[in-house]
């Protein structure tokens, strides 16, 4: 590769990485073109990109964008997944693809300002979806209020039940 082409490749990758706060490094050796395109198609709805990179050029682009801690993971045939709606959904899609394609492996990545290993990314992928987590949080926040409202209504409900019982007793005596 001529140095101008390499510089252009580094600058394009750097520009593309600017908006990403996380990245997943994968090994793709042995995937067919069809499998590779299927993976890209599964990541597209998430807004994520999946690109094969030259390790040496990627390391330069990583240093320029704060992903320098990924240097050690860039060995052999490497592709990176980045951008997208959130890291959990990206990691979930990558690990799901890896279950059916034994040649595909997640090596590690960059999340929360640090390099992470595949096990940490697997733990992130196993988290419930964002919507489920928000619903769980809201239910836990509302639980004390629900109990308080039931407790506050109990004396009124008991008074109503007592008055209704007295009214029924008086109706039965009058009849």
N, C-alpha and C. Protein backbone atom coordinates (compact mmCIF):
# COMPACT_ATOMS: atom_id res chain seq x y z
N UNK A 1 0.84 -1.18 0.00
CA UNK A 1 0.00 0.00 0.00
C UNK A 1 0.88 1.24 0.00
N UNK A 2 0.52 2.18 -0.81
CA UNK A 2 1.26 3.44 -0.82
C UNK A 2 0.91 4.20 0.45
N UNK A 3 1.84 5.03 0.90
CA UNK A 3 1.63 5.74 2.17
C UNK A 3 0.42 6.67 2.11
N UNK A 4 0.12 7.23 0.93
CA UNK A 4 -1.07 8.11 0.82
C UNK A 4 -2.35 7.31 1.06
N UNK A 5 -2.37 6.10 0.53
CA UNK A 5 -3.56 5.26 0.71
C UNK A 5 -3.69 4.87 2.17
N UNK A 6 -2.57 4.56 2.82
CA UNK A 6 -2.60 4.20 4.24
C UNK A 6 -3.05 5.38 5.08
N UNK A 7 -2.54 6.56 4.78
CA UNK A 7 -2.95 7.76 5.52
C UNK A 7 -4.44 8.02 5.35
N UNK A 8 -4.93 7.82 4.12
CA UNK A 8 -6.35 8.03 3.86
C UNK A 8 -7.18 7.01 4.65
N UNK A 9 -6.73 5.74 4.67
CA UNK A 9 -7.45 4.71 5.40
C UNK A 9 -7.50 5.02 6.90
N UNK A 10 -6.38 5.48 7.45
CA UNK A 10 -6.33 5.84 8.87
C UNK A 10 -7.25 7.01 9.16
N UNK A 11 -7.22 8.04 8.31
CA UNK A 11 -8.06 9.21 8.56
C UNK A 11 -9.54 8.87 8.43
N UNK A 12 -9.90 8.00 7.48
CA UNK A 12 -11.31 7.59 7.34
C UNK A 12 -11.77 6.80 8.56
N UNK A 13 -10.94 5.88 9.02
CA UNK A 13 -11.29 5.11 10.21
C UNK A 13 -11.37 6.00 11.44
N UNK A 14 -10.44 6.93 11.56
CA UNK A 14 -10.46 7.87 12.70
C UNK A 14 -11.73 8.70 12.68
N UNK A 15 -12.11 9.19 11.52
CA UNK A 15 -13.33 9.99 11.42
C UNK A 15 -14.56 9.15 11.76
N UNK A 16 -14.55 7.90 11.34
CA UNK A 16 -15.68 7.03 11.60
C UNK A 16 -15.79 6.66 13.08
N UNK A 17 -14.66 6.57 13.76
CA UNK A 17 -14.64 6.19 15.18
C UNK A 17 -14.97 7.35 16.11
N UNK A 18 -14.94 8.57 15.61
CA UNK A 18 -15.12 9.74 16.48
C UNK A 18 -16.40 9.69 17.31
N UNK A 19 -17.50 9.24 16.74
CA UNK A 19 -18.77 9.25 17.46
C UNK A 19 -19.02 8.02 18.32
N UNK A 20 -18.06 7.13 18.41
CA UNK A 20 -18.29 5.89 19.14
C UNK A 20 -17.61 5.92 20.50
N UNK A 21 -18.33 5.47 21.53
CA UNK A 21 -17.76 5.43 22.87
C UNK A 21 -17.39 4.01 23.27
N UNK A 22 -17.68 3.06 22.41
CA UNK A 22 -17.34 1.66 22.68
C UNK A 22 -17.01 0.96 21.37
N UNK A 23 -16.38 -0.20 21.50
CA UNK A 23 -15.98 -0.97 20.33
C UNK A 23 -15.82 -2.43 20.75
N UNK A 24 -16.10 -3.34 19.81
CA UNK A 24 -15.92 -4.76 20.06
C UNK A 24 -14.97 -5.29 18.99
N UNK A 25 -13.92 -5.99 19.42
CA UNK A 25 -12.92 -6.55 18.51
C UNK A 25 -13.25 -8.03 18.33
N UNK A 26 -13.30 -8.46 17.06
CA UNK A 26 -13.66 -9.84 16.77
C UNK A 26 -12.65 -10.51 15.85
N UNK A 27 -12.68 -11.82 15.88
CA UNK A 27 -11.88 -12.63 14.96
C UNK A 27 -12.87 -13.25 13.99
N UNK A 28 -12.66 -13.08 12.71
CA UNK A 28 -13.62 -13.52 11.72
C UNK A 28 -13.09 -14.60 10.78
N UNK A 29 -11.88 -15.05 10.97
CA UNK A 29 -11.23 -15.97 10.04
C UNK A 29 -12.10 -17.21 9.82
N UNK A 30 -12.33 -17.54 8.56
CA UNK A 30 -13.11 -18.72 8.21
C UNK A 30 -14.56 -18.41 7.85
N UNK A 31 -15.00 -17.18 8.00
CA UNK A 31 -16.37 -16.84 7.62
C UNK A 31 -16.44 -16.66 6.11
N UNK A 32 -17.53 -17.08 5.53
CA UNK A 32 -17.74 -16.86 4.11
C UNK A 32 -18.26 -15.44 3.90
N UNK A 33 -18.26 -15.00 2.67
CA UNK A 33 -18.77 -13.66 2.37
C UNK A 33 -20.25 -13.56 2.73
N UNK A 34 -21.00 -14.62 2.50
CA UNK A 34 -22.42 -14.62 2.85
C UNK A 34 -22.65 -14.50 4.35
N UNK A 35 -21.83 -15.22 5.13
CA UNK A 35 -21.95 -15.14 6.58
C UNK A 35 -21.55 -13.74 7.08
N UNK A 36 -20.53 -13.19 6.46
CA UNK A 36 -20.07 -11.85 6.84
C UNK A 36 -21.17 -10.83 6.56
N UNK A 37 -21.82 -10.94 5.40
CA UNK A 37 -22.90 -10.02 5.06
C UNK A 37 -24.11 -10.23 5.96
N UNK A 38 -24.37 -11.48 6.36
CA UNK A 38 -25.48 -11.74 7.28
C UNK A 38 -25.22 -11.07 8.64
N UNK A 39 -23.97 -11.10 9.08
CA UNK A 39 -23.63 -10.43 10.33
C UNK A 39 -23.83 -8.92 10.21
N UNK A 40 -23.35 -8.37 9.13
CA UNK A 40 -23.54 -6.92 8.91
C UNK A 40 -25.03 -6.57 8.86
N UNK A 41 -25.83 -7.41 8.21
CA UNK A 41 -27.27 -7.16 8.12
C UNK A 41 -27.93 -7.22 9.50
N UNK A 42 -27.45 -8.11 10.37
CA UNK A 42 -28.03 -8.20 11.71
C UNK A 42 -27.64 -7.01 12.58
N UNK A 43 -26.50 -6.39 12.29
CA UNK A 43 -26.05 -5.24 13.07
C UNK A 43 -26.62 -3.91 12.55
N UNK A 44 -27.03 -3.89 11.30
CA UNK A 44 -27.52 -2.65 10.69
C UNK A 44 -28.71 -2.04 11.44
N UNK A 45 -29.73 -2.82 11.86
CA UNK A 45 -30.84 -2.21 12.61
C UNK A 45 -30.41 -1.57 13.92
N UNK A 46 -29.29 -1.99 14.46
CA UNK A 46 -28.78 -1.42 15.71
C UNK A 46 -28.02 -0.12 15.46
N UNK A 47 -27.79 0.20 14.20
CA UNK A 47 -27.02 1.39 13.85
C UNK A 47 -25.52 1.16 13.98
N UNK A 48 -25.12 -0.09 14.11
CA UNK A 48 -23.71 -0.43 14.31
C UNK A 48 -23.02 -0.67 12.97
N UNK A 49 -21.72 -0.50 12.98
CA UNK A 49 -20.90 -0.77 11.81
C UNK A 49 -19.97 -1.93 12.14
N UNK A 50 -19.65 -2.71 11.12
CA UNK A 50 -18.75 -3.84 11.28
C UNK A 50 -17.77 -3.79 10.13
N UNK A 51 -16.49 -3.60 10.46
CA UNK A 51 -15.47 -3.40 9.43
C UNK A 51 -14.24 -4.25 9.69
N UNK A 52 -13.69 -4.79 8.59
CA UNK A 52 -12.40 -5.46 8.65
C UNK A 52 -11.34 -4.37 8.61
N UNK A 53 -10.34 -4.49 9.47
CA UNK A 53 -9.30 -3.46 9.54
C UNK A 53 -7.92 -4.09 9.47
N UNK A 54 -6.98 -3.32 8.94
CA UNK A 54 -5.58 -3.73 9.02
C UNK A 54 -5.10 -3.34 10.42
N UNK A 55 -4.52 -4.28 11.11
CA UNK A 55 -4.17 -4.08 12.51
C UNK A 55 -3.27 -2.88 12.72
N UNK A 56 -2.23 -2.76 11.92
CA UNK A 56 -1.26 -1.67 12.12
C UNK A 56 -1.92 -0.31 11.91
N UNK A 57 -2.77 -0.21 10.88
CA UNK A 57 -3.45 1.06 10.62
C UNK A 57 -4.52 1.34 11.67
N UNK A 58 -5.19 0.29 12.12
CA UNK A 58 -6.22 0.47 13.14
C UNK A 58 -5.61 0.95 14.46
N UNK A 59 -4.43 0.45 14.80
CA UNK A 59 -3.78 0.88 16.03
C UNK A 59 -3.51 2.38 16.01
N UNK A 60 -3.11 2.89 14.85
CA UNK A 60 -2.86 4.34 14.71
C UNK A 60 -4.16 5.11 14.91
N UNK A 61 -5.24 4.64 14.27
CA UNK A 61 -6.54 5.31 14.40
C UNK A 61 -7.06 5.21 15.84
N UNK A 62 -6.81 4.07 16.49
CA UNK A 62 -7.26 3.90 17.87
C UNK A 62 -6.57 4.90 18.80
N UNK A 63 -5.27 5.06 18.62
CA UNK A 63 -4.51 6.01 19.45
C UNK A 63 -5.08 7.42 19.30
N UNK A 64 -5.48 7.78 18.09
CA UNK A 64 -6.00 9.12 17.84
C UNK A 64 -7.38 9.34 18.44
N UNK A 65 -8.10 8.26 18.73
CA UNK A 65 -9.48 8.38 19.22
C UNK A 65 -9.69 7.86 20.63
N UNK A 66 -8.63 7.58 21.36
CA UNK A 66 -8.77 7.16 22.75
C UNK A 66 -9.01 5.68 22.95
N UNK A 67 -8.85 4.87 21.92
CA UNK A 67 -9.02 3.44 22.03
C UNK A 67 -7.67 2.72 22.08
N UNK A 68 -6.63 3.41 22.47
CA UNK A 68 -5.28 2.86 22.46
C UNK A 68 -5.11 1.59 23.29
N UNK A 69 -5.98 1.40 24.28
CA UNK A 69 -5.87 0.21 25.13
C UNK A 69 -6.18 -1.08 24.37
N UNK A 70 -6.70 -0.96 23.15
CA UNK A 70 -7.03 -2.14 22.35
C UNK A 70 -5.85 -2.69 21.57
N UNK A 71 -4.69 -2.08 21.69
CA UNK A 71 -3.50 -2.51 20.93
C UNK A 71 -3.25 -4.01 21.06
N UNK A 72 -3.34 -4.53 22.27
CA UNK A 72 -3.01 -5.93 22.52
C UNK A 72 -4.00 -6.91 21.88
N UNK A 73 -5.20 -6.46 21.60
CA UNK A 73 -6.22 -7.34 21.03
C UNK A 73 -6.15 -7.41 19.50
N UNK A 74 -5.31 -6.59 18.91
CA UNK A 74 -5.23 -6.50 17.46
C UNK A 74 -4.15 -7.44 16.93
N UNK A 75 -4.50 -8.72 16.86
CA UNK A 75 -3.58 -9.74 16.34
C UNK A 75 -4.36 -10.66 15.42
N UNK A 76 -3.79 -10.98 14.29
CA UNK A 76 -4.45 -11.87 13.34
C UNK A 76 -5.57 -11.17 12.60
N UNK A 77 -6.39 -11.93 11.87
CA UNK A 77 -7.50 -11.32 11.12
C UNK A 77 -8.50 -10.68 12.08
N UNK A 78 -8.67 -9.39 11.96
CA UNK A 78 -9.46 -8.64 12.93
C UNK A 78 -10.53 -7.80 12.23
N UNK A 79 -11.69 -7.79 12.84
CA UNK A 79 -12.77 -6.89 12.43
C UNK A 79 -13.30 -6.22 13.68
N UNK A 80 -13.81 -5.02 13.53
CA UNK A 80 -14.33 -4.28 14.68
C UNK A 80 -15.79 -3.91 14.46
N UNK A 81 -16.54 -3.94 15.53
CA UNK A 81 -17.93 -3.49 15.54
C UNK A 81 -17.97 -2.27 16.45
N UNK A 82 -18.62 -1.21 15.98
CA UNK A 82 -18.66 0.03 16.75
C UNK A 82 -19.90 0.82 16.38
N UNK A 83 -20.11 1.92 17.10
CA UNK A 83 -21.28 2.78 17.00
C UNK A 83 -22.51 2.02 17.42
N UNK A 84 -23.67 2.44 16.98
CA UNK A 84 -24.90 1.74 17.32
C UNK A 84 -25.63 2.36 18.48
N UNK A 85 -26.79 1.77 18.80
CA UNK A 85 -27.64 2.34 19.83
C UNK A 85 -27.08 2.12 21.24
N UNK A 86 -26.63 0.92 21.54
CA UNK A 86 -26.02 0.69 22.84
C UNK A 86 -25.14 -0.56 22.79
N UNK A 87 -24.20 -0.62 23.70
CA UNK A 87 -23.22 -1.70 23.73
C UNK A 87 -23.87 -3.05 24.02
N UNK A 88 -24.85 -3.08 24.91
CA UNK A 88 -25.47 -4.36 25.28
C UNK A 88 -26.11 -5.03 24.08
N UNK A 89 -26.86 -4.29 23.28
CA UNK A 89 -27.52 -4.90 22.13
C UNK A 89 -26.51 -5.32 21.07
N UNK A 90 -25.42 -4.55 20.91
CA UNK A 90 -24.37 -4.91 19.97
C UNK A 90 -23.68 -6.20 20.41
N UNK A 91 -23.31 -6.27 21.69
CA UNK A 91 -22.64 -7.47 22.21
C UNK A 91 -23.57 -8.67 22.13
N UNK A 92 -24.85 -8.47 22.42
CA UNK A 92 -25.82 -9.56 22.35
C UNK A 92 -25.91 -10.12 20.93
N UNK A 93 -25.94 -9.23 19.93
CA UNK A 93 -26.02 -9.67 18.53
C UNK A 93 -24.75 -10.41 18.11
N UNK A 94 -23.59 -9.93 18.55
CA UNK A 94 -22.34 -10.57 18.17
C UNK A 94 -22.21 -11.96 18.81
N UNK A 95 -22.55 -12.09 20.08
CA UNK A 95 -22.46 -13.40 20.73
C UNK A 95 -23.50 -14.37 20.17
N UNK A 96 -24.67 -13.87 19.80
CA UNK A 96 -25.69 -14.73 19.19
C UNK A 96 -25.18 -15.26 17.85
N UNK A 97 -24.53 -14.40 17.07
CA UNK A 97 -23.96 -14.83 15.80
C UNK A 97 -22.86 -15.87 16.03
N UNK A 98 -22.05 -15.66 17.06
CA UNK A 98 -20.96 -16.57 17.39
C UNK A 98 -21.43 -17.96 17.80
N UNK A 99 -22.65 -18.06 18.35
CA UNK A 99 -23.19 -19.35 18.75
C UNK A 99 -23.40 -20.27 17.55
N UNK A 100 -23.76 -19.70 16.41
CA UNK A 100 -24.04 -20.50 15.22
C UNK A 100 -22.86 -20.56 14.25
N UNK A 101 -21.82 -19.79 14.51
CA UNK A 101 -20.65 -19.75 13.63
C UNK A 101 -19.39 -19.95 14.47
N UNK A 102 -18.88 -21.17 14.54
CA UNK A 102 -17.75 -21.46 15.43
C UNK A 102 -16.45 -20.75 15.04
N UNK A 103 -16.33 -20.28 13.80
CA UNK A 103 -15.12 -19.57 13.39
C UNK A 103 -15.10 -18.13 13.89
N UNK A 104 -16.23 -17.63 14.32
CA UNK A 104 -16.35 -16.24 14.76
C UNK A 104 -16.15 -16.17 16.27
N UNK A 105 -15.28 -15.28 16.71
CA UNK A 105 -15.02 -15.13 18.14
C UNK A 105 -14.92 -13.66 18.52
N UNK A 106 -15.49 -13.33 19.65
CA UNK A 106 -15.32 -12.00 20.22
C UNK A 106 -14.06 -12.04 21.07
N UNK A 107 -13.10 -11.18 20.76
CA UNK A 107 -11.84 -11.15 21.51
C UNK A 107 -11.91 -10.25 22.73
N UNK A 108 -12.58 -9.15 22.58
CA UNK A 108 -12.65 -8.17 23.66
C UNK A 108 -13.18 -6.87 23.10
N UNK A 109 -12.90 -5.79 23.77
CA UNK A 109 -13.39 -4.52 23.29
C UNK A 109 -13.02 -3.37 24.20
N UNK A 110 -13.73 -2.29 24.01
CA UNK A 110 -13.51 -1.08 24.76
C UNK A 110 -14.87 -0.59 25.23
N UNK A 111 -15.04 -0.47 26.54
CA UNK A 111 -16.31 -0.02 27.10
C UNK A 111 -16.05 0.74 28.39
N UNK A 112 -16.81 1.76 28.61
CA UNK A 112 -16.74 2.54 29.84
C UNK A 112 -15.33 3.08 30.10
N UNK A 113 -14.63 3.44 29.03
CA UNK A 113 -13.31 4.05 29.16
C UNK A 113 -12.16 3.09 29.38
N UNK A 114 -12.41 1.77 29.32
CA UNK A 114 -11.36 0.78 29.55
C UNK A 114 -11.45 -0.35 28.54
N UNK A 115 -10.31 -1.01 28.34
CA UNK A 115 -10.31 -2.23 27.53
C UNK A 115 -10.99 -3.33 28.33
N UNK A 116 -11.80 -4.14 27.67
CA UNK A 116 -12.51 -5.22 28.34
C UNK A 116 -12.22 -6.54 27.62
N UNK A 117 -12.38 -7.62 28.35
CA UNK A 117 -12.17 -8.93 27.74
C UNK A 117 -13.52 -9.49 27.27
N UNK A 118 -13.45 -10.64 26.61
CA UNK A 118 -14.66 -11.26 26.06
C UNK A 118 -15.64 -11.64 27.17
N UNK A 119 -15.15 -12.07 28.32
CA UNK A 119 -16.03 -12.47 29.42
C UNK A 119 -16.85 -11.29 29.93
N UNK A 120 -16.24 -10.12 30.02
CA UNK A 120 -16.96 -8.92 30.46
C UNK A 120 -18.03 -8.53 29.44
N UNK A 121 -17.68 -8.64 28.17
CA UNK A 121 -18.66 -8.33 27.14
C UNK A 121 -19.81 -9.34 27.14
N UNK A 122 -19.50 -10.59 27.45
CA UNK A 122 -20.55 -11.62 27.54
C UNK A 122 -21.50 -11.29 28.69
N UNK A 123 -20.94 -10.81 29.81
CA UNK A 123 -21.79 -10.41 30.95
C UNK A 123 -22.69 -9.24 30.57
N UNK A 124 -22.16 -8.29 29.80
CA UNK A 124 -22.96 -7.16 29.33
C UNK A 124 -24.05 -7.65 28.38
N UNK A 125 -23.70 -8.60 27.52
CA UNK A 125 -24.68 -9.14 26.56
C UNK A 125 -25.81 -9.88 27.26
N UNK A 126 -25.53 -10.46 28.42
CA UNK A 126 -26.55 -11.22 29.15
C UNK A 126 -27.48 -10.34 29.98
N UNK A 127 -27.22 -9.04 30.03
CA UNK A 127 -28.10 -8.14 30.76
C UNK A 127 -29.46 -8.07 30.07
N UNK A 128 -30.53 -7.84 30.82
CA UNK A 128 -31.84 -7.63 30.18
C UNK A 128 -31.81 -6.37 29.32
N UNK A 129 -32.78 -6.24 28.46
CA UNK A 129 -32.83 -5.08 27.57
C UNK A 129 -33.05 -3.79 28.37
N UNK A 130 -32.77 -2.69 27.74
CA UNK A 130 -32.90 -1.38 28.38
C UNK A 130 -34.34 -1.14 28.86
N UNK A 131 -35.31 -1.54 28.06
CA UNK A 131 -36.71 -1.35 28.41
C UNK A 131 -37.09 -2.15 29.65
N UNK A 132 -36.58 -3.38 29.75
CA UNK A 132 -36.87 -4.23 30.91
C UNK A 132 -36.23 -3.64 32.16
N UNK A 133 -35.01 -3.15 32.04
CA UNK A 133 -34.34 -2.54 33.19
C UNK A 133 -35.09 -1.29 33.66
N UNK A 134 -35.57 -0.48 32.74
CA UNK A 134 -36.31 0.73 33.11
C UNK A 134 -37.63 0.35 33.78
N UNK A 135 -38.32 -0.66 33.23
CA UNK A 135 -39.59 -1.10 33.83
C UNK A 135 -39.37 -1.65 35.24
N UNK A 136 -38.30 -2.41 35.43
CA UNK A 136 -37.98 -2.95 36.75
C UNK A 136 -37.68 -1.82 37.74
N UNK A 137 -36.91 -0.85 37.30
CA UNK A 137 -36.60 0.29 38.16
C UNK A 137 -37.86 1.05 38.54
N UNK A 138 -38.73 1.30 37.58
CA UNK A 138 -39.96 2.04 37.86
C UNK A 138 -40.86 1.25 38.82
N UNK A 139 -40.93 -0.06 38.65
CA UNK A 139 -41.74 -0.88 39.56
C UNK A 139 -41.19 -0.82 40.98
N UNK A 140 -39.88 -0.84 41.09
CA UNK A 140 -39.28 -0.78 42.44
C UNK A 140 -39.44 0.59 43.07
N UNK A 141 -39.41 1.64 42.24
CA UNK A 141 -39.62 2.98 42.78
C UNK A 141 -41.08 3.18 43.20
N UNK A 142 -42.01 2.59 42.46
CA UNK A 142 -43.43 2.76 42.77
C UNK A 142 -43.92 1.84 43.88
N UNK A 143 -43.21 0.78 44.17
CA UNK A 143 -43.65 -0.19 45.16
C UNK A 143 -43.92 0.43 46.53
N UNK A 144 -43.02 1.24 47.09
CA UNK A 144 -43.32 1.84 48.40
C UNK A 144 -44.54 2.75 48.36
N UNK A 145 -44.73 3.46 47.25
CA UNK A 145 -45.89 4.33 47.14
C UNK A 145 -47.18 3.52 47.07
N UNK A 146 -47.15 2.40 46.40
CA UNK A 146 -48.33 1.53 46.31
C UNK A 146 -48.70 1.00 47.69
N UNK A 147 -47.69 0.57 48.44
CA UNK A 147 -47.93 0.07 49.80
C UNK A 147 -48.46 1.20 50.68
N UNK A 148 -47.91 2.39 50.56
CA UNK A 148 -48.38 3.55 51.34
C UNK A 148 -49.82 3.87 51.00
N UNK A 149 -50.16 3.88 49.73
CA UNK A 149 -51.54 4.18 49.34
C UNK A 149 -52.50 3.13 49.88
N UNK A 150 -52.11 1.86 49.83
CA UNK A 150 -52.97 0.80 50.37
C UNK A 150 -53.13 0.96 51.88
N UNK A 151 -52.06 1.30 52.58
CA UNK A 151 -52.10 1.50 54.03
C UNK A 151 -52.98 2.69 54.39
N UNK A 152 -52.88 3.74 53.63
CA UNK A 152 -53.69 4.94 53.90
C UNK A 152 -55.17 4.68 53.62
N UNK A 153 -55.47 3.81 52.67
CA UNK A 153 -56.86 3.51 52.34
C UNK A 153 -57.49 2.49 53.27
N UNK A 154 -56.68 1.73 54.00
CA UNK A 154 -57.19 0.65 54.85
C UNK A 154 -58.18 1.14 55.91
N UNK A 155 -57.90 2.20 56.68
CA UNK A 155 -58.90 2.64 57.69
C UNK A 155 -60.21 3.06 57.04
N UNK A 156 -60.14 3.72 55.90
CA UNK A 156 -61.35 4.15 55.21
C UNK A 156 -62.13 2.94 54.70
N UNK A 157 -61.42 1.94 54.17
CA UNK A 157 -62.07 0.72 53.68
C UNK A 157 -62.71 -0.03 54.85
N UNK A 158 -62.00 -0.09 55.98
CA UNK A 158 -62.56 -0.78 57.15
C UNK A 158 -63.80 -0.06 57.67
N UNK A 159 -63.75 1.27 57.70
CA UNK A 159 -64.92 2.05 58.15
C UNK A 159 -66.09 1.81 57.21
N UNK A 160 -65.83 1.80 55.92
CA UNK A 160 -66.89 1.55 54.94
C UNK A 160 -67.48 0.16 55.13
N UNK A 161 -66.63 -0.84 55.34
CA UNK A 161 -67.11 -2.20 55.54
C UNK A 161 -67.96 -2.29 56.81
N UNK A 162 -67.53 -1.62 57.88
CA UNK A 162 -68.28 -1.65 59.15
C UNK A 162 -69.63 -0.97 59.00
N UNK A 163 -69.65 0.19 58.35
CA UNK A 163 -70.91 0.91 58.15
C UNK A 163 -71.85 0.12 57.25
N UNK A 164 -71.32 -0.54 56.26
CA UNK A 164 -72.15 -1.36 55.37
C UNK A 164 -72.75 -2.52 56.14
N UNK A 165 -71.96 -3.13 57.03
CA UNK A 165 -72.46 -4.25 57.83
C UNK A 165 -73.56 -3.79 58.77
N UNK A 166 -73.40 -2.62 59.40
CA UNK A 166 -74.42 -2.09 60.30
C UNK A 166 -75.68 -1.77 59.51
N UNK A 167 -75.50 -1.19 58.30
CA UNK A 167 -76.68 -0.85 57.49
C UNK A 167 -77.43 -2.11 57.08
N UNK A 168 -76.74 -3.17 56.72
CA UNK A 168 -77.39 -4.42 56.33
C UNK A 168 -78.10 -5.05 57.53
N UNK A 169 -77.48 -4.93 58.72
CA UNK A 169 -78.10 -5.50 59.92
C UNK A 169 -79.38 -4.77 60.25
N UNK A 170 -79.37 -3.43 60.12
CA UNK A 170 -80.56 -2.64 60.40
C UNK A 170 -81.65 -2.92 59.38
N UNK A 171 -81.27 -3.16 58.12
CA UNK A 171 -82.26 -3.48 57.09
C UNK A 171 -82.91 -4.84 57.39
N UNK A 172 -82.10 -5.79 57.82
CA UNK A 172 -82.64 -7.12 58.11
C UNK A 172 -83.53 -7.10 59.36
N UNK A 173 -83.23 -6.25 60.36
CA UNK A 173 -84.04 -6.14 61.57
C UNK A 173 -85.36 -5.43 61.24
N UNK A 174 -85.30 -4.42 60.39
CA UNK A 174 -86.48 -3.65 60.04
C UNK A 174 -87.44 -4.50 59.19
N UNK A 175 -86.93 -5.44 58.47
CA UNK A 175 -87.78 -6.25 57.61
C UNK A 175 -88.47 -7.33 58.34
